[in-house]
C-alpha atoms as a PDB file:
ATOM      1  CA  MET A   1       2.868  75.945  35.704  1.00  0.00           C
ATOM      2  CA  ILE A   2       2.045  74.577  39.155  1.00  0.00           C
ATOM      3  CA  THR A   3      -1.622  74.649  40.144  1.00  0.00           C
ATOM      4  CA  ASP A   4      -3.912  72.878  42.579  1.00  0.00           C
ATOM      5  CA  THR A   5      -7.543  71.879  42.797  1.00  0.00           C
ATOM      6  CA  GLU A   6      -9.974  69.744  44.736  1.00  0.00           C
ATOM      7  CA  GLY A   7     -11.291  66.808  42.755  1.00  0.00           C
ATOM      8  CA  ILE A   8     -12.978  63.407  42.648  1.00  0.00           C
ATOM      9  CA  VAL A   9     -11.260  60.478  40.951  1.00  0.00           C
ATOM     10  CA  LEU A  10     -13.601  59.019  38.323  1.00  0.00           C
ATOM     11  CA  ARG A  11     -11.338  56.277  36.943  1.00  0.00           C
ATOM     12  CA  GLN A  12      -7.796  55.400  35.977  1.00  0.00           C
ATOM     13  CA  VAL A  13      -6.103  53.317  33.266  1.00  0.00           C
ATOM     14  CA  LYS A  14      -2.608  52.004  32.688  1.00  0.00           C
ATOM     15  CA  ALA A  15      -0.462  53.967  30.250  1.00  0.00           C
ATOM     16  CA  ALA A  16       2.883  53.364  28.561  1.00  0.00           C
ATOM     17  CA  GLY A  17       6.054  53.127  30.594  1.00  0.00           C
ATOM     18  CA  GLY A  18       4.384  51.972  33.785  1.00  0.00           C
ATOM     19  CA  ARG A  19       2.480  55.226  34.152  1.00  0.00           C
ATOM     20  CA  ARG A  20      -1.232  55.708  34.787  1.00  0.00           C
ATOM     21  CA  MET A  21      -3.778  58.197  33.549  1.00  0.00           C
ATOM     22  CA  ILE A  22      -6.321  59.397  36.084  1.00  0.00           C
ATOM     23  CA  TRP A  23      -9.595  60.988  35.025  1.00  0.00           C
ATOM     24  CA  LEU A  24     -10.133  63.605  37.682  1.00  0.00           C
ATOM     25  CA  PHE A  25     -13.347  65.592  38.026  1.00  0.00           C
ATOM     26  CA  SER A  26     -11.832  68.771  39.406  1.00  0.00           C
ATOM     27  CA  ARG A  27     -13.708  71.636  40.965  1.00  0.00           C
ATOM     28  CA  LYS A  28     -11.528  74.222  39.216  1.00  0.00           C
ATOM     29  CA  PHE A  29     -10.984  72.779  35.721  1.00  0.00           C
ATOM     30  CA  GLY A  30     -13.787  70.265  35.198  1.00  0.00           C
ATOM     31  CA  LYS A  31     -12.897  66.773  33.960  1.00  0.00           C
ATOM     32  CA  ILE A  32      -9.193  66.426  33.185  1.00  0.00           C
ATOM     33  CA  SER A  33      -6.790  63.562  32.512  1.00  0.00           C
ATOM     34  CA  VAL A  34      -3.757  63.542  34.799  1.00  0.00           C
ATOM     35  CA  GLY A  35      -0.594  61.491  34.327  1.00  0.00           C
ATOM     36  CA  THR A  36       1.262  59.852  37.211  1.00  0.00           C
ATOM     37  CA  GLY A  37       3.875  57.191  37.827  1.00  0.00           C
ATOM     38  CA  LEU A  38       2.184  56.161  41.089  1.00  0.00           C
ATOM     39  CA  THR A  39      -0.045  53.122  41.586  1.00  0.00           C
ATOM     40  CA  GLU A  40      -2.884  52.490  44.031  1.00  0.00           C
ATOM     41  CA  GLY A  41      -0.727  49.950  45.847  1.00  0.00           C
ATOM     42  CA  GLY A  42       1.681  52.575  47.133  1.00  0.00           C
ATOM     43  CA  ARG A  43       1.698  53.480  50.802  1.00  0.00           C
ATOM     44  CA  ASN A  44       2.220  57.230  50.610  1.00  0.00           C
ATOM     45  CA  LYS A  45      -0.580  59.786  50.847  1.00  0.00           C
ATOM     46  CA  THR A  46      -0.597  60.568  47.141  1.00  0.00           C
ATOM     47  CA  ALA A  47      -1.022  56.887  46.193  1.00  0.00           C
ATOM     48  CA  LEU A  48      -4.123  56.706  48.395  1.00  0.00           C
ATOM     49  CA  ALA A  49      -5.492  59.851  46.737  1.00  0.00           C
ATOM     50  CA  ILE A  50      -5.623  58.340  43.222  1.00  0.00           C
ATOM     51  CA  ARG A  51      -8.206  55.658  44.030  1.00  0.00           C
ATOM     52  CA  ALA A  52     -11.666  55.879  42.469  1.00  0.00           C
ATOM     53  CA  PHE A  53     -14.329  57.584  44.626  1.00  0.00           C
ATOM     54  CA  THR A  54     -11.643  59.566  46.464  1.00  0.00           C
ATOM     55  CA  TYR A  55     -12.283  63.251  47.090  1.00  0.00           C
ATOM     56  CA  GLY A  56      -8.954  64.977  47.469  1.00  0.00           C
ATOM     57  CA  ARG A  57      -6.768  68.013  46.937  1.00  0.00           C
ATOM     58  CA  TYR A  58      -4.279  67.671  44.098  1.00  0.00           C
ATOM     59  CA  GLU A  59      -1.177  69.639  43.139  1.00  0.00           C
ATOM     60  CA  LEU A  60      -0.688  69.470  39.376  1.00  0.00           C
ATOM     61  CA  PHE A  61       1.954  70.506  36.897  1.00  0.00           C
ATOM     62  CA  LYS A  62       0.216  71.869  33.820  1.00  0.00           C
ATOM     63  CA  ASN A  63       1.980  72.309  30.516  1.00  0.00           C
ATOM     64  CA  ARG A  64       0.478  73.222  27.167  1.00  0.00           C
ATOM     65  CA  ASP A  65      -1.173  69.868  26.447  1.00  0.00           C
ATOM     66  CA  SER A  66      -1.413  67.880  29.675  1.00  0.00           C
ATOM     67  CA  TYR A  67      -1.568  67.677  33.451  1.00  0.00           C
ATOM     68  CA  ASN A  68       0.808  65.664  35.639  1.00  0.00           C
ATOM     69  CA  LEU A  69       0.334  64.842  39.293  1.00  0.00           C
ATOM     70  CA  ASN A  70       2.829  66.264  41.757  1.00  0.00           C
ATOM     71  CA  SER A  71       1.036  65.293  44.956  1.00  0.00           C
ATOM     72  CA  GLY A  72      -2.359  64.460  46.361  1.00  0.00           C
ATOM     73  CA  GLN A  73      -4.076  64.565  49.728  1.00  0.00           C
ATOM     74  CA  VAL A  74      -7.208  62.602  50.650  1.00  0.00           C
ATOM     75  CA  LEU A  75      -9.987  64.844  51.942  1.00  0.00           C
ATOM     76  CA  ARG A  76     -12.664  62.136  51.958  1.00  0.00           C
ATOM     77  CA  SER A  77     -12.187  58.498  50.942  1.00  0.00           C
ATOM     78  CA  TYR A  78     -15.797  57.228  51.130  1.00  0.00           C
ATOM     79  CA  TYR A  79     -14.281  53.922  52.260  1.00  0.00           C
ATOM     80  CA  ALA A  80     -17.670  52.539  53.371  1.00  0.00           C
ATOM     81  CA  ILE A  81     -18.804  52.432  49.723  1.00  0.00           C
ATOM     82  CA  GLY A  82     -16.033  49.976  48.873  1.00  0.00           C
ATOM     83  CA  GLU A  83     -16.980  47.694  51.769  1.00  0.00           C
ATOM     84  CA  ASP A  84     -20.468  46.952  50.394  1.00  0.00           C
ATOM     85  CA  ILE A  85     -20.755  45.393  46.923  1.00  0.00           C
ATOM     86  CA  ASP A  86     -24.191  46.899  46.245  1.00  0.00           C
ATOM     87  CA  LYS A  87     -23.008  50.376  47.220  1.00  0.00           C
ATOM     88  CA  TYR A  88     -19.860  49.905  45.169  1.00  0.00           C
ATOM     89  CA  MET A  89     -21.761  48.915  42.021  1.00  0.00           C
ATOM     90  CA  ALA A  90     -24.276  51.748  42.434  1.00  0.00           C
ATOM     91  CA  ALA A  91     -21.523  54.321  42.906  1.00  0.00           C
ATOM     92  CA  SER A  92     -19.531  52.845  39.997  1.00  0.00           C
ATOM     93  CA  TYR A  93     -22.510  53.353  37.704  1.00  0.00           C
ATOM     94  CA  VAL A  94     -22.830  56.982  38.795  1.00  0.00           C
ATOM     95  CA  LEU A  95     -19.112  57.665  38.304  1.00  0.00           C
ATOM     96  CA  GLU A  96     -19.195  56.112  34.837  1.00  0.00           C
ATOM     97  CA  LEU A  97     -22.308  58.041  33.830  1.00  0.00           C
ATOM     98  CA  THR A  98     -20.777  61.273  35.133  1.00  0.00           C
ATOM     99  CA  ASP A  99     -17.594  60.586  33.188  1.00  0.00           C
ATOM    100  CA  LYS A 100     -19.641  60.112  30.003  1.00  0.00           C
ATOM    101  CA  VAL A 101     -21.673  63.303  30.281  1.00  0.00           C
ATOM    102  CA  LEU A 102     -18.827  65.648  31.243  1.00  0.00           C
ATOM    103  CA  ALA A 103     -16.921  67.488  28.531  1.00  0.00           C
ATOM    104  CA  GLU A 104     -13.192  67.774  29.191  1.00  0.00           C
ATOM    105  CA  GLU A 105     -11.857  70.954  30.797  1.00  0.00           C
ATOM    106  CA  LEU A 106     -15.293  72.505  31.279  1.00  0.00           C
ATOM    107  CA  PRO A 107     -15.980  73.385  34.932  1.00  0.00           C
ATOM    108  CA  GLN A 108     -19.308  72.060  36.215  1.00  0.00           C
ATOM    109  CA  PRO A 109     -19.578  73.262  39.833  1.00  0.00           C
ATOM    110  CA  ARG A 110     -23.211  72.180  40.241  1.00  0.00           C
ATOM    111  CA  ILE A 111     -22.482  68.637  39.074  1.00  0.00           C
ATOM    112  CA  PHE A 112     -19.364  68.554  41.266  1.00  0.00           C
ATOM    113  CA  SER A 113     -21.450  69.450  44.315  1.00  0.00           C
ATOM    114  CA  LEU A 114     -24.145  66.957  43.285  1.00  0.00           C
ATOM    115  CA  LEU A 115     -21.604  64.137  43.011  1.00  0.00           C
ATOM    116  CA  THR A 116     -20.144  64.833  46.453  1.00  0.00           C
ATOM    117  CA  GLU A 117     -23.674  64.910  47.900  1.00  0.00           C
ATOM    118  CA  PHE A 118     -24.445  61.596  46.202  1.00  0.00           C
ATOM    119  CA  LEU A 119     -21.311  59.914  47.582  1.00  0.00           C
ATOM    120  CA  GLU A 120     -22.055  61.174  51.086  1.00  0.00           C
ATOM    121  CA  ALA A 121     -25.647  59.935  50.903  1.00  0.00           C
ATOM    122  CA  MET A 122     -24.586  56.571  49.429  1.00  0.00           C
ATOM    123  CA  GLU A 123     -22.060  56.034  52.194  1.00  0.00           C
ATOM    124  CA  LYS A 124     -24.835  56.413  54.780  1.00  0.00           C
ATOM    125  CA  ARG A 125     -27.531  54.446  52.919  1.00  0.00           C
ATOM    126  CA  GLU A 126     -28.173  50.872  54.055  1.00  0.00           C
ATOM    127  CA  LYS A 127     -30.307  49.346  51.272  1.00  0.00           C
ATOM    128  CA  LYS A 128     -32.195  49.942  47.989  1.00  0.00           C
ATOM    129  CA  HIS A 129     -29.335  51.939  46.530  1.00  0.00           C
ATOM    130  CA  LYS A 130     -30.972  52.241  43.096  1.00  0.00           C
ATOM    131  CA  THR A 131     -33.396  54.892  44.368  1.00  0.00           C
ATOM    132  CA  LEU A 132     -30.431  57.106  45.191  1.00  0.00           C
ATOM    133  CA  VAL A 133     -28.982  56.460  41.730  1.00  0.00           C
ATOM    134  CA  MET A 134     -32.314  57.439  40.160  1.00  0.00           C
ATOM    135  CA  ALA A 135     -32.338  60.699  42.098  1.00  0.00           C
ATOM    136  CA  TYR A 136     -28.829  61.466  40.846  1.00  0.00           C
ATOM    137  CA  ILE A 137     -29.820  60.759  37.239  1.00  0.00           C
ATOM    138  CA  VAL A 138     -32.826  63.085  37.418  1.00  0.00           C
ATOM    139  CA  LYS A 139     -30.784  65.877  38.978  1.00  0.00           C
ATOM    140  CA  ILE A 140     -27.880  65.633  36.534  1.00  0.00           C
ATOM    141  CA  LEU A 141     -30.314  65.715  33.605  1.00  0.00           C
ATOM    142  CA  ASP A 142     -31.868  68.836  35.107  1.00  0.00           C
ATOM    143  CA  ILE A 143     -28.466  70.537  35.477  1.00  0.00           C
ATOM    144  CA  LEU A 144     -27.472  69.653  31.905  1.00  0.00           C
ATOM    145  CA  GLY A 145     -30.746  70.985  30.484  1.00  0.00           C
ATOM    146  CA  THR A 146     -31.887  67.586  29.177  1.00  0.00           C
ATOM    147  CA  MET A 147     -34.584  66.961  31.779  1.00  0.00           C
ATOM    148  CA  PRO A 148     -37.850  65.639  30.315  1.00  0.00           C
ATOM    149  CA  GLU A 149     -40.722  68.136  30.012  1.00  0.00           C
ATOM    150  CA  LEU A 150     -43.146  67.309  32.820  1.00  0.00           C
ATOM    151  CA  ASP A 151     -45.604  70.223  32.957  1.00  0.00           C
ATOM    152  CA  VAL A 152     -47.083  70.525  29.466  1.00  0.00           C
ATOM    153  CA  CYS A 153     -47.665  68.209  26.528  1.00  0.00           C
ATOM    154  CA  VAL A 154     -44.484  68.245  24.437  1.00  0.00           C
ATOM    155  CA  CYS A 155     -46.544  67.823  21.257  1.00  0.00           C
ATOM    156  CA  CYS A 156     -49.303  70.439  21.561  1.00  0.00           C
ATOM    157  CA  GLY A 157     -48.026  72.593  24.457  1.00  0.00           C
ATOM    158  CA  LYS A 158     -51.221  72.348  26.517  1.00  0.00           C
ATOM    159  CA  ASN A 159     -51.110  71.957  30.269  1.00  0.00           C
ATOM    160  CA  THR A 160     -51.819  68.427  31.433  1.00  0.00           C
ATOM    161  CA  GLU A 161     -54.906  68.561  33.612  1.00  0.00           C
ATOM    162  CA  SER A 162     -55.098  66.835  36.973  1.00  0.00           C
ATOM    163  CA  GLY A 163     -56.627  63.386  36.604  1.00  0.00           C
ATOM    164  CA  MET A 164     -56.139  63.354  32.823  1.00  0.00           C
ATOM    165  CA  GLN A 165     -54.610  60.226  31.328  1.00  0.00           C
ATOM    166  CA  THR A 166     -51.108  61.126  30.160  1.00  0.00           C
ATOM    167  CA  TYR A 167     -48.200  59.295  28.588  1.00  0.00           C
ATOM    168  CA  PHE A 168     -44.436  59.627  28.655  1.00  0.00           C
ATOM    169  CA  SER A 169     -42.685  59.745  25.285  1.00  0.00           C
ATOM    170  CA  ILE A 170     -38.972  58.951  25.075  1.00  0.00           C
ATOM    171  CA  GLU A 171     -38.611  60.317  21.552  1.00  0.00           C
ATOM    172  CA  ASP A 172     -40.549  63.543  22.192  1.00  0.00           C
ATOM    173  CA  GLY A 173     -38.796  64.136  25.488  1.00  0.00           C
ATOM    174  CA  GLY A 174     -41.554  64.221  28.084  1.00  0.00           C
ATOM    175  CA  VAL A 175     -45.235  64.010  28.891  1.00  0.00           C
ATOM    176  CA  ILE A 176     -47.881  63.925  26.142  1.00  0.00           C
ATOM    177  CA  CYS A 177     -51.634  64.259  26.524  1.00  0.00           C
ATOM    178  CA  HIS A 178     -54.001  61.449  25.591  1.00  0.00           C
ATOM    179  CA  ARG A 179     -55.177  63.280  22.453  1.00  0.00           C
ATOM    180  CA  CYS A 180     -51.665  63.524  21.032  1.00  0.00           C
ATOM    181  CA  ALA A 181     -50.940  59.955  22.138  1.00  0.00           C
ATOM    182  CA  ASP A 182     -53.956  58.747  20.159  1.00  0.00           C
ATOM    183  CA  LYS A 183     -52.645  60.502  17.048  1.00  0.00           C
ATOM    184  CA  ILE A 184     -49.152  59.056  17.515  1.00  0.00           C
ATOM    185  CA  ALA A 185     -50.524  55.544  18.070  1.00  0.00           C
ATOM    186  CA  ALA A 186     -51.265  55.265  14.348  1.00  0.00           C
ATOM    187  CA  ASP A 187     -47.531  55.487  13.585  1.00  0.00           C
ATOM    188  CA  ASP A 188     -46.010  52.030  14.007  1.00  0.00           C
ATOM    189  CA  ASN A 189     -42.492  53.478  14.251  1.00  0.00           C
ATOM    190  CA  ARG A 190     -43.232  55.313  17.498  1.00  0.00           C
ATOM    191  CA  ARG A 191     -42.934  52.664  20.199  1.00  0.00           C
ATOM    192  CA  LEU A 192     -41.117  54.372  23.064  1.00  0.00           C
ATOM    193  CA  ILE A 193     -44.278  55.644  24.731  1.00  0.00           C
ATOM    194  CA  TYR A 194     -45.311  54.652  28.254  1.00  0.00           C
ATOM    195  CA  ARG A 195     -48.540  55.075  30.199  1.00  0.00           C
ATOM    196  CA  THR A 196     -48.018  57.056  33.395  1.00  0.00           C
ATOM    197  CA  ASP A 197     -50.114  54.723  35.525  1.00  0.00           C
ATOM    198  CA  PHE A 198     -47.512  54.624  38.305  1.00  0.00           C
ATOM    199  CA  ASP A 199     -47.151  58.406  38.766  1.00  0.00           C
ATOM    200  CA  ILE A 200     -43.858  58.731  36.875  1.00  0.00           C
ATOM    201  CA  ILE A 201     -44.452  62.467  36.449  1.00  0.00           C
ATOM    202  CA  ASP A 202     -44.931  63.132  40.163  1.00  0.00           C
ATOM    203  CA  ILE A 203     -41.923  60.956  41.033  1.00  0.00           C
ATOM    204  CA  LEU A 204     -39.645  62.760  38.593  1.00  0.00           C
ATOM    205  CA  LYS A 205     -40.836  66.158  39.834  1.00  0.00           C
ATOM    206  CA  TYR A 206     -40.184  65.105  43.429  1.00  0.00           C
ATOM    207  CA  PHE A 207     -36.709  63.805  42.594  1.00  0.00           C
ATOM    208  CA  ARG A 208     -35.883  67.040  40.797  1.00  0.00           C
ATOM    209  CA  LYS A 209     -37.072  69.238  43.678  1.00  0.00           C
ATOM    210  CA  MET A 210     -35.703  67.502  46.776  1.00  0.00           C
ATOM    211  CA  PRO A 211     -32.043  67.751  47.890  1.00  0.00           C
ATOM    212  CA  MET A 212     -29.896  64.638  47.558  1.00  0.00           C
ATOM    213  CA  SER A 213     -29.710  64.298  51.345  1.00  0.00           C
ATOM    214  CA  ALA A 214     -33.477  63.664  51.390  1.00  0.00           C
ATOM    215  CA  PHE A 215     -32.930  60.350  49.600  1.00  0.00           C
ATOM    216  CA  GLU A 216     -30.714  58.747  52.229  1.00  0.00           C
ATOM    217  CA  LYS A 217     -33.726  56.734  53.468  1.00  0.00           C
ATOM    218  CA  ILE A 218     -36.440  57.151  50.801  1.00  0.00           C
ATOM    219  CA  ALA A 219     -36.918  54.070  48.604  1.00  0.00           C
ATOM    220  CA  LEU A 220     -39.173  53.330  45.648  1.00  0.00           C
ATOM    221  CA  GLU A 221     -41.181  50.139  45.515  1.00  0.00           C
ATOM    222  CA  ASP A 222     -39.389  47.473  43.475  1.00  0.00           C
ATOM    223  CA  ASN A 223     -41.888  47.397  40.595  1.00  0.00           C
ATOM    224  CA  VAL A 224     -41.895  51.202  40.317  1.00  0.00           C
ATOM    225  CA  GLN A 225     -38.092  51.330  40.473  1.00  0.00           C
ATOM    226  CA  GLN A 226     -37.784  48.713  37.732  1.00  0.00           C
ATOM    227  CA  LYS A 227     -40.176  50.491  35.362  1.00  0.00           C
ATOM    228  CA  LEU A 228     -38.717  53.938  36.027  1.00  0.00           C
ATOM    229  CA  GLN A 229     -35.127  52.825  35.472  1.00  0.00           C
ATOM    230  CA  GLU A 230     -36.148  51.163  32.194  1.00  0.00           C
ATOM    231  CA  ILE A 231     -37.662  54.439  30.998  1.00  0.00           C
ATOM    232  CA  MET A 232     -34.767  56.613  32.136  1.00  0.00           C
ATOM    233  CA  LYS A 233     -32.140  54.274  30.698  1.00  0.00           C
ATOM    234  CA  ARG A 234     -33.844  54.498  27.300  1.00  0.00           C
ATOM    235  CA  TYR A 235     -34.233  58.262  27.699  1.00  0.00           C
ATOM    236  CA  ILE A 236     -30.497  58.692  28.377  1.00  0.00           C
ATOM    237  CA  SER A 237     -29.631  56.430  25.460  1.00  0.00           C
ATOM    238  CA  TYR A 238     -31.893  58.328  23.054  1.00  0.00           C
ATOM    239  CA  HIS A 239     -31.214  61.929  24.091  1.00  0.00           C
ATOM    240  CA  MET A 240     -27.590  61.743  25.275  1.00  0.00           C
ATOM    241  CA  ASP A 241     -26.306  59.017  22.959  1.00  0.00           C
ATOM    242  CA  ILE A 242     -25.031  56.929  25.857  1.00  0.00           C
ATOM    243  CA  LYS A 243     -25.713  53.442  24.585  1.00  0.00           C
ATOM    244  CA  GLN A 244     -23.814  51.165  26.946  1.00  0.00           C
ATOM    245  CA  LEU A 245     -21.875  51.517  30.162  1.00  0.00           C
ATOM    246  CA  LYS A 246     -19.509  48.903  31.590  1.00  0.00           C
ATOM    247  CA  SER A 247     -21.568  48.944  34.794  1.00  0.00           C
ATOM    248  CA  GLU A 248     -24.834  48.670  32.814  1.00  0.00           C
ATOM    249  CA  TYR A 249     -25.763  45.319  34.345  1.00  0.00           C
ATOM    250  CA  PHE A 250     -26.205  47.040  37.706  1.00  0.00           C
ATOM    251  CA  PHE A 251     -28.852  49.434  36.443  1.00  0.00           C
END
């Protein structure tokens, strides 16, 4: 069966017989693996369309168990990302994370749109790329239903009052009030709890609410960015079982 779809190339690997397998995040089918005999070094339009970060339109031959690439057309190359090492590493982390969280052949139109918005914003951004990555992480967690609870204490269910000292618990999955934190403190095995002295709750709420385009110029202070990414990296590891990414040293 011949079919076509728009898609974003997440990664590719060499396969037997000089072929390559491309992991394509397609708008129509979700994440799929696509076989091809082409390489990135080719000069035709389809060879250009199999590079990572490329947003293209792909004609595929689908049989019972696999997809094979007939042709591809570049719709957007995001070439500026590849010209800046910091942008490239930031975008590589996002592609790898997206690849990890997507189930195969399950359409995710909201994540597809989010990823295209991220790539467009990253291409325009000039510095402090990690803030944009953080915004993407928060939004993809929200779409997947694994966003931390930010409005009520995850232990007792009470609203967190304005001005009240609160904490963020990795294991419990969100904000906890000071009373519950005091009770938990007696348990030596519960160590992944952070004070919210630097407004982590307000930052996460803001990141969840604002469109990706709003983060083209917004940047967190370095100390806040460092602490927040430490918390979110541990949160992703604990709740999504994503322990290590090849691009981990960037984030």
